[in-house]
């Protein structure tokens, strides 16, 4: 299992059981909610996925907070399926780890 896949699994284990109230709690020092932080990660992963697939980036559709873990799983699967270079996987892993730390 790659570091990226392990990081995604850890993050999903951290958040997949959250109810709406937990998603609306503040995260980190930037005044964002947990949902906003994870949505920001989803946008980053979508951009990295487009880069890995060598296609133009597209806007990520908004989803309900409770669906964010599923969205992350799909985006991570797309990145891994594209067979990205190690440098891209490192950037993706760092983004996931930073988000995970922000949510603690």
Foldseek 3Di string as FASTA:
>chain_A
DDLLVVLLVVLCVVPLPDDPVQQQPDWADPRHGLLVLLVVLLQVLQCLLCVLQVHDRDDDDDDPSNCSSVSSVVSSVSNVVSVGDPVSSVVNSVSSVVSSVRSD
